[in-house]
C-alpha atoms as a PDB file:
ATOM      1  CA  MET A   1    -122.602  86.649 145.833  1.00  0.00           C
ATOM      2  CA  ARG A   2    -120.465  90.557 146.733  1.00  0.00           C
ATOM      3  CA  VAL A   3    -121.827  93.270 145.427  1.00  0.00           C
ATOM      4  CA  LEU A   4    -120.748  96.897 145.970  1.00  0.00           C
ATOM      5  CA  GLY A   5    -122.425 100.237 144.938  1.00  0.00           C
ATOM      6  CA  PHE A   6    -119.519 102.813 144.533  1.00  0.00           C
ATOM      7  CA  GLY A   7    -120.323 106.478 143.998  1.00  0.00           C
ATOM      8  CA  ASP A   8    -123.449 108.129 143.628  1.00  0.00           C
ATOM      9  CA  ASN A   9    -126.037 109.119 146.946  1.00  0.00           C
ATOM     10  CA  ILE A  10    -128.758 111.257 146.649  1.00  0.00           C
ATOM     11  CA  ILE A  11    -132.543 113.024 147.775  1.00  0.00           C
ATOM     12  CA  ASP A  12    -135.340 112.457 145.308  1.00  0.00           C
ATOM     13  CA  ARG A  13    -137.539 115.038 145.940  1.00  0.00           C
ATOM     14  CA  PHE A  14    -140.703 114.592 145.319  1.00  0.00           C
ATOM     15  CA  LEU A  15    -142.978 117.882 145.433  1.00  0.00           C
ATOM     16  CA  ASP A  16    -145.901 116.687 144.756  1.00  0.00           C
ATOM     17  CA  ARG A  17    -145.699 114.960 147.475  1.00  0.00           C
ATOM     18  CA  GLY A  18    -144.343 117.111 150.397  1.00  0.00           C
ATOM     19  CA  ILE A  19    -142.001 113.881 150.987  1.00  0.00           C
ATOM     20  CA  ASP A  20    -137.554 113.125 150.306  1.00  0.00           C
ATOM     21  CA  TYR A  21    -136.893 109.333 150.001  1.00  0.00           C
ATOM     22  CA  PRO A  22    -133.223 107.887 149.530  1.00  0.00           C
ATOM     23  CA  GLY A  23    -131.804 107.206 145.963  1.00  0.00           C
ATOM     24  CA  GLY A  24    -128.308 107.300 144.200  1.00  0.00           C
ATOM     25  CA  ASN A  25    -127.426 104.986 140.917  1.00  0.00           C
ATOM     26  CA  ALA A  26    -124.606 102.598 143.082  1.00  0.00           C
ATOM     27  CA  VAL A  27    -127.110 102.964 146.015  1.00  0.00           C
ATOM     28  CA  ASN A  28    -130.357 101.369 144.506  1.00  0.00           C
ATOM     29  CA  VAL A  29    -128.838  98.612 142.805  1.00  0.00           C
ATOM     30  CA  ALA A  30    -126.727  97.657 146.013  1.00  0.00           C
ATOM     31  CA  VAL A  31    -130.204  97.966 148.107  1.00  0.00           C
ATOM     32  CA  TYR A  32    -132.163  96.085 145.129  1.00  0.00           C
ATOM     33  CA  ALA A  33    -129.492  93.286 144.250  1.00  0.00           C
ATOM     34  CA  ARG A  34    -129.565  92.456 148.789  1.00  0.00           C
ATOM     35  CA  ARG A  35    -133.548  91.650 147.812  1.00  0.00           C
ATOM     36  CA  ARG A  36    -131.998  89.446 145.251  1.00  0.00           C
ATOM     37  CA  GLY A  37    -130.476  87.711 147.558  1.00  0.00           C
ATOM     38  CA  ALA A  38    -127.244  89.534 147.548  1.00  0.00           C
ATOM     39  CA  HIS A  39    -125.068  90.619 150.467  1.00  0.00           C
ATOM     40  CA  ALA A  40    -124.431  94.282 149.140  1.00  0.00           C
ATOM     41  CA  GLU A  41    -123.284  97.732 150.753  1.00  0.00           C
ATOM     42  CA  TYR A  42    -122.672 100.954 149.819  1.00  0.00           C
ATOM     43  CA  LEU A  43    -119.311 102.674 149.175  1.00  0.00           C
ATOM     44  CA  GLY A  44    -119.667 107.273 148.552  1.00  0.00           C
ATOM     45  CA  VAL A  45    -119.182 110.414 149.777  1.00  0.00           C
ATOM     46  CA  PHE A  46    -122.145 111.693 151.953  1.00  0.00           C
ATOM     47  CA  GLY A  47    -122.960 115.061 152.868  1.00  0.00           C
ATOM     48  CA  GLU A  48    -122.226 116.393 155.879  1.00  0.00           C
ATOM     49  CA  ASP A  49    -126.012 117.622 156.791  1.00  0.00           C
ATOM     50  CA  ASP A  50    -129.023 116.581 157.857  1.00  0.00           C
ATOM     51  CA  ALA A  51    -130.035 115.217 154.561  1.00  0.00           C
ATOM     52  CA  GLY A  52    -126.592 113.073 154.781  1.00  0.00           C
ATOM     53  CA  SER A  53    -127.338 111.647 157.796  1.00  0.00           C
ATOM     54  CA  TYR A  54    -130.634 110.682 156.695  1.00  0.00           C
ATOM     55  CA  LEU A  55    -129.420 108.884 153.006  1.00  0.00           C
ATOM     56  CA  ARG A  56    -126.744 106.675 155.587  1.00  0.00           C
ATOM     57  CA  ALA A  57    -129.087 105.937 157.879  1.00  0.00           C
ATOM     58  CA  SER A  58    -131.907 104.897 155.417  1.00  0.00           C
ATOM     59  CA  ILE A  59    -129.228 102.756 153.844  1.00  0.00           C
ATOM     60  CA  GLU A  60    -127.984 101.202 156.762  1.00  0.00           C
ATOM     61  CA  ASP A  61    -131.524 100.797 157.706  1.00  0.00           C
ATOM     62  CA  ALA A  62    -132.121  98.828 154.088  1.00  0.00           C
ATOM     63  CA  GLY A  63    -129.276  95.926 155.343  1.00  0.00           C
ATOM     64  CA  VAL A  64    -126.797  97.734 152.640  1.00  0.00           C
ATOM     65  CA  PRO A  65    -123.789  98.432 155.567  1.00  0.00           C
ATOM     66  CA  THR A  66    -122.130 101.682 154.936  1.00  0.00           C
ATOM     67  CA  PRO A  67    -118.534 100.731 156.331  1.00  0.00           C
ATOM     68  CA  ARG A  68    -115.798 102.538 154.115  1.00  0.00           C
ATOM     69  CA  SER A  69    -118.114 105.482 152.978  1.00  0.00           C
ATOM     70  CA  VAL A  70    -116.848 108.571 153.704  1.00  0.00           C
ATOM     71  CA  VAL A  71    -118.238 112.127 155.289  1.00  0.00           C
ATOM     72  CA  ARG A  72    -117.332 115.653 153.406  1.00  0.00           C
ATOM     73  CA  ARG A  73    -118.959 118.900 154.406  1.00  0.00           C
ATOM     74  CA  GLY A  74    -121.225 120.251 152.207  1.00  0.00           C
ATOM     75  CA  GLU A  75    -124.353 119.791 151.258  1.00  0.00           C
ATOM     76  CA  SER A  76    -125.882 116.303 149.346  1.00  0.00           C
ATOM     77  CA  GLY A  77    -127.506 116.014 146.290  1.00  0.00           C
ATOM     78  CA  VAL A  78    -131.161 116.754 145.697  1.00  0.00           C
ATOM     79  CA  SER A  79    -133.300 116.110 143.076  1.00  0.00           C
ATOM     80  CA  SER A  80    -137.018 117.658 142.045  1.00  0.00           C
ATOM     81  CA  LEU A  81    -139.396 114.829 140.511  1.00  0.00           C
ATOM     82  CA  ARG A  82    -143.419 114.737 140.691  1.00  0.00           C
ATOM     83  CA  VAL A  83    -145.012 111.523 138.822  1.00  0.00           C
ATOM     84  CA  VAL A  84    -146.999 112.369 136.000  1.00  0.00           C
ATOM     85  CA  ASP A  85    -149.177 109.027 135.232  1.00  0.00           C
ATOM     86  CA  GLY A  86    -147.463 107.319 137.516  1.00  0.00           C
ATOM     87  CA  ASP A  87    -143.628 108.191 135.938  1.00  0.00           C
ATOM     88  CA  ARG A  88    -142.012 109.853 137.833  1.00  0.00           C
ATOM     89  CA  THR A  89    -140.478 113.300 135.719  1.00  0.00           C
ATOM     90  CA  PHE A  90    -137.706 114.518 136.986  1.00  0.00           C
ATOM     91  CA  LEU A  91    -137.326 118.775 137.284  1.00  0.00           C
ATOM     92  CA  GLY A  92    -134.080 119.207 138.388  1.00  0.00           C
ATOM     93  CA  TRP A  93    -131.362 118.914 140.959  1.00  0.00           C
ATOM     94  CA  ASN A  94    -128.568 120.904 142.947  1.00  0.00           C
ATOM     95  CA  GLY A  95    -125.367 119.160 141.128  1.00  0.00           C
ATOM     96  CA  GLY A  96    -124.976 116.428 142.690  1.00  0.00           C
ATOM     97  CA  GLY A  97    -123.678 118.312 145.930  1.00  0.00           C
ATOM     98  CA  VAL A  98    -120.347 117.192 147.471  1.00  0.00           C
ATOM     99  CA  THR A  99    -121.137 113.527 146.252  1.00  0.00           C
ATOM    100  CA  VAL A 100    -120.771 114.774 142.915  1.00  0.00           C
ATOM    101  CA  ARG A 101    -118.098 117.972 144.098  1.00  0.00           C
ATOM    102  CA  GLU A 102    -115.680 115.830 145.387  1.00  0.00           C
ATOM    103  CA  PRO A 103    -116.338 112.101 144.640  1.00  0.00           C
ATOM    104  CA  ILE A 104    -115.156 108.926 146.041  1.00  0.00           C
ATOM    105  CA  ASP A 105    -111.497 107.108 145.212  1.00  0.00           C
ATOM    106  CA  LEU A 106    -110.393 104.193 145.693  1.00  0.00           C
ATOM    107  CA  ASP A 107    -107.192 105.476 148.233  1.00  0.00           C
ATOM    108  CA  GLU A 108    -106.732 104.783 151.737  1.00  0.00           C
ATOM    109  CA  GLY A 109    -106.929 101.347 151.560  1.00  0.00           C
ATOM    110  CA  ARG A 110    -110.411 101.607 149.191  1.00  0.00           C
ATOM    111  CA  GLU A 111    -108.993  99.209 146.652  1.00  0.00           C
ATOM    112  CA  GLU A 112    -108.354  96.501 148.285  1.00  0.00           C
ATOM    113  CA  TYR A 113    -112.028  97.054 150.085  1.00  0.00           C
ATOM    114  CA  ALA A 114    -113.703  97.071 146.766  1.00  0.00           C
ATOM    115  CA  ALA A 115    -111.578  93.847 145.243  1.00  0.00           C
ATOM    116  CA  GLY A 116    -112.861  91.710 147.969  1.00  0.00           C
ATOM    117  CA  PHE A 117    -116.564  91.698 146.131  1.00  0.00           C
ATOM    118  CA  ASP A 118    -117.942  90.116 142.818  1.00  0.00           C
ATOM    119  CA  VAL A 119    -119.968  93.228 141.607  1.00  0.00           C
ATOM    120  CA  VAL A 120    -118.340  96.618 141.529  1.00  0.00           C
ATOM    121  CA  HIS A 121    -121.184  98.844 140.416  1.00  0.00           C
ATOM    122  CA  SER A 122    -121.151 102.126 139.428  1.00  0.00           C
ATOM    123  CA  SER A 123    -123.202 105.216 137.191  1.00  0.00           C
ATOM    124  CA  VAL A 124    -122.199 108.735 135.573  1.00  0.00           C
ATOM    125  CA  TYR A 125    -123.502 110.308 137.888  1.00  0.00           C
ATOM    126  CA  SER A 126    -121.154 109.204 140.512  1.00  0.00           C
ATOM    127  CA  ARG A 127    -117.844 111.105 138.871  1.00  0.00           C
ATOM    128  CA  VAL A 128    -115.884 107.230 139.341  1.00  0.00           C
ATOM    129  CA  GLU A 129    -114.314 107.003 135.260  1.00  0.00           C
ATOM    130  CA  THR A 130    -110.592 107.604 136.991  1.00  0.00           C
ATOM    131  CA  GLU A 131    -111.169 104.828 139.201  1.00  0.00           C
ATOM    132  CA  LEU A 132    -112.238 102.273 136.671  1.00  0.00           C
ATOM    133  CA  PRO A 133    -108.948 101.338 135.457  1.00  0.00           C
ATOM    134  CA  ARG A 134    -107.633 100.895 139.430  1.00  0.00           C
ATOM    135  CA  LEU A 135    -110.667  97.773 139.237  1.00  0.00           C
ATOM    136  CA  ARG A 136    -109.375  96.200 136.230  1.00  0.00           C
ATOM    137  CA  ARG A 137    -106.207  95.343 138.365  1.00  0.00           C
ATOM    138  CA  HIS A 138    -108.297  92.824 140.089  1.00  0.00           C
ATOM    139  CA  ASP A 139    -110.671  89.755 139.998  1.00  0.00           C
ATOM    140  CA  VAL A 140    -114.132  92.117 140.525  1.00  0.00           C
ATOM    141  CA  LEU A 141    -116.633  92.390 137.237  1.00  0.00           C
ATOM    142  CA  VAL A 142    -117.749  95.727 137.144  1.00  0.00           C
ATOM    143  CA  SER A 143    -120.881  97.373 135.483  1.00  0.00           C
ATOM    144  CA  PHE A 144    -121.072 100.576 134.911  1.00  0.00           C
ATOM    145  CA  ASP A 145    -124.545 102.644 133.815  1.00  0.00           C
ATOM    146  CA  LEU A 146    -124.291 105.381 130.753  1.00  0.00           C
ATOM    147  CA  SER A 147    -127.757 106.609 131.995  1.00  0.00           C
ATOM    148  CA  SER A 148    -129.338 107.576 128.487  1.00  0.00           C
ATOM    149  CA  GLU A 149    -127.756 111.370 128.950  1.00  0.00           C
ATOM    150  CA  PRO A 150    -126.288 112.449 124.580  1.00  0.00           C
ATOM    151  CA  GLU A 151    -123.194 112.738 125.716  1.00  0.00           C
ATOM    152  CA  PHE A 152    -122.578 109.841 127.694  1.00  0.00           C
ATOM    153  CA  ARG A 153    -122.853 107.979 124.238  1.00  0.00           C
ATOM    154  CA  ALA A 154    -120.633 109.627 122.980  1.00  0.00           C
ATOM    155  CA  ALA A 155    -117.092 107.938 121.615  1.00  0.00           C
ATOM    156  CA  GLU A 156    -114.774 109.941 124.076  1.00  0.00           C
ATOM    157  CA  TYR A 157    -116.757 109.289 127.138  1.00  0.00           C
ATOM    158  CA  LEU A 158    -117.336 105.732 125.442  1.00  0.00           C
ATOM    159  CA  ASP A 159    -113.090 105.338 125.204  1.00  0.00           C
ATOM    160  CA  ARG A 160    -112.934 106.573 128.848  1.00  0.00           C
ATOM    161  CA  VAL A 161    -115.186 104.244 130.370  1.00  0.00           C
ATOM    162  CA  ALA A 162    -116.214 100.551 128.395  1.00  0.00           C
ATOM    163  CA  PRO A 163    -112.973  99.566 128.004  1.00  0.00           C
ATOM    164  CA  PHE A 164    -113.131  98.816 131.715  1.00  0.00           C
ATOM    165  CA  ALA A 165    -116.606  97.601 132.345  1.00  0.00           C
ATOM    166  CA  ASP A 166    -117.828  94.365 131.515  1.00  0.00           C
ATOM    167  CA  LEU A 167    -121.389  95.084 132.055  1.00  0.00           C
ATOM    168  CA  VAL A 168    -122.515  98.936 130.718  1.00  0.00           C
ATOM    169  CA  LEU A 169    -126.620 100.032 130.981  1.00  0.00           C
ATOM    170  CA  LEU A 170    -128.199 102.067 128.594  1.00  0.00           C
ATOM    171  CA  SER A 171    -131.318 103.450 128.480  1.00  0.00           C
ATOM    172  CA  CYS A 172    -133.085 102.916 125.259  1.00  0.00           C
ATOM    173  CA  ALA A 173    -136.777 103.641 126.075  1.00  0.00           C
ATOM    174  CA  ASP A 174    -136.552 106.060 123.159  1.00  0.00           C
ATOM    175  CA  LEU A 175    -134.812 103.489 120.565  1.00  0.00           C
ATOM    176  CA  ASP A 176    -136.732 101.109 118.355  1.00  0.00           C
ATOM    177  CA  GLU A 177    -135.018  97.852 118.616  1.00  0.00           C
ATOM    178  CA  GLU A 178    -132.157  97.618 115.733  1.00  0.00           C
ATOM    179  CA  ALA A 179    -131.701 101.568 116.496  1.00  0.00           C
ATOM    180  CA  SER A 180    -130.775  99.934 120.854  1.00  0.00           C
ATOM    181  CA  PHE A 181    -129.134  96.726 118.908  1.00  0.00           C
ATOM    182  CA  ALA A 182    -126.664 100.297 116.716  1.00  0.00           C
ATOM    183  CA  LEU A 183    -126.228 101.611 120.085  1.00  0.00           C
ATOM    184  CA  LEU A 184    -125.021  98.567 122.413  1.00  0.00           C
ATOM    185  CA  ASP A 185    -123.072  97.570 119.330  1.00  0.00           C
ATOM    186  CA  GLU A 186    -120.608 100.449 119.511  1.00  0.00           C
ATOM    187  CA  ALA A 187    -119.874 100.215 123.608  1.00  0.00           C
ATOM    188  CA  VAL A 188    -119.306  97.131 123.125  1.00  0.00           C
ATOM    189  CA  ARG A 189    -116.230  97.845 119.749  1.00  0.00           C
ATOM    190  CA  ARG A 190    -115.097 100.407 122.664  1.00  0.00           C
ATOM    191  CA  GLY A 191    -114.810  97.518 125.492  1.00  0.00           C
ATOM    192  CA  ALA A 192    -117.417  96.873 127.435  1.00  0.00           C
ATOM    193  CA  GLY A 193    -117.695  92.582 127.951  1.00  0.00           C
ATOM    194  CA  LEU A 194    -121.356  92.871 127.328  1.00  0.00           C
ATOM    195  CA  ALA A 195    -124.482  95.772 126.858  1.00  0.00           C
ATOM    196  CA  LEU A 196    -127.976  96.085 128.280  1.00  0.00           C
ATOM    197  CA  GLY A 197    -130.284  98.721 126.841  1.00  0.00           C
ATOM    198  CA  THR A 198    -133.940  98.672 129.073  1.00  0.00           C
ATOM    199  CA  ARG A 199    -136.671  99.429 127.097  1.00  0.00           C
ATOM    200  CA  GLY A 200    -139.098  99.677 129.410  1.00  0.00           C
ATOM    201  CA  VAL A 201    -142.685  98.860 128.641  1.00  0.00           C
ATOM    202  CA  GLU A 202    -141.245  97.427 125.809  1.00  0.00           C
ATOM    203  CA  GLY A 203    -138.388  95.125 127.175  1.00  0.00           C
ATOM    204  CA  ALA A 204    -135.306  94.598 127.479  1.00  0.00           C
ATOM    205  CA  VAL A 205    -131.932  93.565 124.949  1.00  0.00           C
ATOM    206  CA  VAL A 206    -128.526  92.427 125.374  1.00  0.00           C
ATOM    207  CA  THR A 207    -125.444  92.001 123.282  1.00  0.00           C
ATOM    208  CA  ASP A 208    -121.794  90.964 123.850  1.00  0.00           C
ATOM    209  CA  GLY A 209    -120.907  91.777 120.316  1.00  0.00           C
ATOM    210  CA  GLU A 210    -121.677  88.422 118.542  1.00  0.00           C
ATOM    211  CA  VAL A 211    -125.421  86.380 120.452  1.00  0.00           C
ATOM    212  CA  ARG A 212    -128.463  89.310 120.413  1.00  0.00           C
ATOM    213  CA  LEU A 213    -131.534  88.559 122.914  1.00  0.00           C
ATOM    214  CA  SER A 214    -134.703  90.417 123.366  1.00  0.00           C
ATOM    215  CA  ALA A 215    -136.640  89.605 126.352  1.00  0.00           C
ATOM    216  CA  PRO A 216    -140.546  91.380 126.621  1.00  0.00           C
ATOM    217  CA  ALA A 217    -141.203  93.253 129.757  1.00  0.00           C
ATOM    218  CA  LYS A 218    -142.425  91.978 132.434  1.00  0.00           C
ATOM    219  CA  LEU A 219    -146.056  94.399 132.658  1.00  0.00           C
ATOM    220  CA  LEU A 220    -148.467  94.634 135.659  1.00  0.00           C
ATOM    221  CA  ASP A 221    -151.584  92.868 135.623  1.00  0.00           C
ATOM    222  CA  GLY A 222    -154.283  94.729 137.185  1.00  0.00           C
ATOM    223  CA  GLY A 223    -153.801  93.415 140.448  1.00  0.00           C
ATOM    224  CA  ALA A 224    -152.558  96.240 142.866  1.00  0.00           C
ATOM    225  CA  PRO A 225    -151.748  99.674 141.684  1.00  0.00           C
ATOM    226  CA  MET A 226    -148.961 100.600 140.848  1.00  0.00           C
ATOM    227  CA  VAL A 227    -147.232 103.502 142.975  1.00  0.00           C
ATOM    228  CA  ASP A 228    -144.634 104.805 140.241  1.00  0.00           C
ATOM    229  CA  THR A 229    -141.543 104.044 138.151  1.00  0.00           C
ATOM    230  CA  MET A 230    -138.808 105.293 139.881  1.00  0.00           C
ATOM    231  CA  GLY A 231    -135.616 103.100 140.372  1.00  0.00           C
ATOM    232  CA  CYS A 232    -137.302 100.514 137.800  1.00  0.00           C
ATOM    233  CA  GLY A 233    -134.341 100.487 135.625  1.00  0.00           C
ATOM    234  CA  ASP A 234    -131.412  99.826 138.982  1.00  0.00           C
ATOM    235  CA  ALA A 235    -133.464  97.543 140.076  1.00  0.00           C
ATOM    236  CA  PHE A 236    -133.545  95.674 136.315  1.00  0.00           C
ATOM    237  CA  VAL A 237    -129.767  96.066 135.763  1.00  0.00           C
ATOM    238  CA  ALA A 238    -129.527  94.433 139.933  1.00  0.00           C
ATOM    239  CA  GLY A 239    -131.789  91.361 139.161  1.00  0.00           C
ATOM    240  CA  PHE A 240    -129.760  90.785 135.930  1.00  0.00           C
ATOM    241  CA  LEU A 241    -126.588  91.567 137.956  1.00  0.00           C
ATOM    242  CA  VAL A 242    -127.594  88.886 140.615  1.00  0.00           C
ATOM    243  CA  SER A 243    -129.086  85.951 137.995  1.00  0.00           C
ATOM    244  CA  LEU A 244    -126.049  86.243 135.501  1.00  0.00           C
ATOM    245  CA  HIS A 245    -123.475  85.914 138.143  1.00  0.00           C
ATOM    246  CA  GLY A 246    -125.327  82.826 140.310  1.00  0.00           C
ATOM    247  CA  ASP A 247    -124.850  81.481 136.123  1.00  0.00           C
ATOM    248  CA  GLY A 248    -121.193  81.272 136.623  1.00  0.00           C
ATOM    249  CA  TRP A 249    -120.287  84.509 134.978  1.00  0.00           C
ATOM    250  CA  ARG A 250    -116.801  86.071 135.053  1.00  0.00           C
ATOM    251  CA  ARG A 251    -114.337  87.648 133.510  1.00  0.00           C
ATOM    252  CA  ASP A 252    -113.316  84.539 131.892  1.00  0.00           C
ATOM    253  CA  ARG A 253    -116.348  82.884 131.509  1.00  0.00           C
ATOM    254  CA  ARG A 254    -119.036  84.498 129.018  1.00  0.00           C
ATOM    255  CA  PRO A 255    -121.822  83.364 129.878  1.00  0.00           C
ATOM    256  CA  ASP A 256    -124.405  81.535 127.935  1.00  0.00           C
ATOM    257  CA  ALA A 257    -127.793  82.779 125.786  1.00  0.00           C
ATOM    258  CA  ALA A 258    -128.930  80.548 128.036  1.00  0.00           C
ATOM    259  CA  ALA A 259    -128.014  82.715 130.935  1.00  0.00           C
ATOM    260  CA  LEU A 260    -128.305  85.544 129.342  1.00  0.00           C
ATOM    261  CA  HIS A 261    -132.038  84.760 128.773  1.00  0.00           C
ATOM    262  CA  ALA A 262    -132.546  84.053 132.422  1.00  0.00           C
ATOM    263  CA  ALA A 263    -131.366  87.359 132.868  1.00  0.00           C
ATOM    264  CA  LEU A 264    -132.854  89.126 131.558  1.00  0.00           C
ATOM    265  CA  ARG A 265    -135.777  86.821 133.132  1.00  0.00           C
ATOM    266  CA  ALA A 266    -134.778  87.708 136.553  1.00  0.00           C
ATOM    267  CA  GLY A 267    -134.567  91.717 135.452  1.00  0.00           C
ATOM    268  CA  ALA A 268    -137.872  92.314 134.167  1.00  0.00           C
ATOM    269  CA  ASP A 269    -139.017  90.351 137.692  1.00  0.00           C
ATOM    270  CA  ALA A 270    -137.415  93.281 139.170  1.00  0.00           C
ATOM    271  CA  ALA A 271    -138.205  95.978 137.611  1.00  0.00           C
ATOM    272  CA  HIS A 272    -141.959  94.736 137.915  1.00  0.00           C
ATOM    273  CA  ASP A 273    -142.035  94.216 141.421  1.00  0.00           C
ATOM    274  CA  GLN A 274    -140.596  97.574 141.792  1.00  0.00           C
ATOM    275  CA  CYS A 275    -143.557  99.022 141.101  1.00  0.00           C
ATOM    276  CA  PHE A 276    -145.144  99.267 143.866  1.00  0.00           C
ATOM    277  CA  VAL A 277    -142.745 100.330 145.770  1.00  0.00           C
ATOM    278  CA  GLU A 278    -142.655 103.935 147.192  1.00  0.00           C
ATOM    279  CA  GLY A 279    -139.561 106.037 145.452  1.00  0.00           C
ATOM    280  CA  ALA A 280    -136.381 104.095 145.585  1.00  0.00           C
ATOM    281  CA  PHE A 281    -137.095 102.036 148.476  1.00  0.00           C
ATOM    282  CA  GLY A 282    -139.083 104.028 150.965  1.00  0.00           C
ATOM    283  CA  ARG A 283    -138.318 104.886 154.052  1.00  0.00           C
ATOM    284  CA  GLY A 284    -139.886 108.521 152.670  1.00  0.00           C
ATOM    285  CA  ARG A 285    -139.772 111.506 155.670  1.00  0.00           C
ATOM    286  CA  PRO A 286    -141.555 115.310 155.123  1.00  0.00           C
ATOM    287  CA  THR A 287    -139.359 117.328 153.258  1.00  0.00           C
ATOM    288  CA  PRO A 288    -138.034 119.227 155.540  1.00  0.00           C
ATOM    289  CA  ALA A 289    -140.122 123.120 155.820  1.00  0.00           C
ATOM    290  CA  THR A 290    -137.052 124.834 155.143  1.00  0.00           C
ATOM    291  CA  ALA A 291    -136.831 123.445 151.380  1.00  0.00           C
ATOM    292  CA  SER A 292    -137.554 125.320 148.347  1.00  0.00           C
ATOM    293  CA  MET A 293    -140.834 123.174 146.957  1.00  0.00           C
ATOM    294  CA  ARG A 294    -140.562 125.291 144.069  1.00  0.00           C
END
């Protein structure tokens, strides 16, 4: 299986630790898919600064090549956060830097490059919505993370994304199961092939508009202490994607209930394992002295 992370990268700056970690939704899913046995690469924009160099080197060190990514003049994205009782709490960001201000596109041969993968994963933080119809021309599955913000659940936004996505992921930690399914059903009605909702310790739900399935989270067993929850949702979707594709999911081949159940379990396993990793995928460095710690 070949997976492409398409879009965002960012520095996750832990203010309580004084450590910067590499991350970003598209980056994380690629790294975690590789952990689950897939070949994964990343395509995005890196800032022409020290942080951009650090991000690219860290991603490649994690075994995810970045051969067609581009470097643009400008600063890298930085997200500030703290860990409170094991849960990462976001405090703000600088808008994503040049990665978001001048997002990656599929020009200059990048469309053909992306078409060579089995799954392309992106998110609302990548600003690549206009590129999704170009991916749809090809026999490649598109996965898209809709996150948790209300603006990305509005009908207008769903209509821009859902018709071009084979899977959409939504964070539903603040919703009960029935409300979660109602939200997922809306995404499917607007064109998504599958809709997956993660609900933290309450597990996850998935639907194709006909079949509705739920599965519990894999809870910690009191062994090794949890580090934090950074990247757990991204790990879930990576485990889900690798399992489902391995069971034969293709655009013209709808997964059956057994394959969806197995994918939910694989996602739960991956999210559980991520709880013991510092940052998104380690490789932290001390926050530069010149950076604001406020």
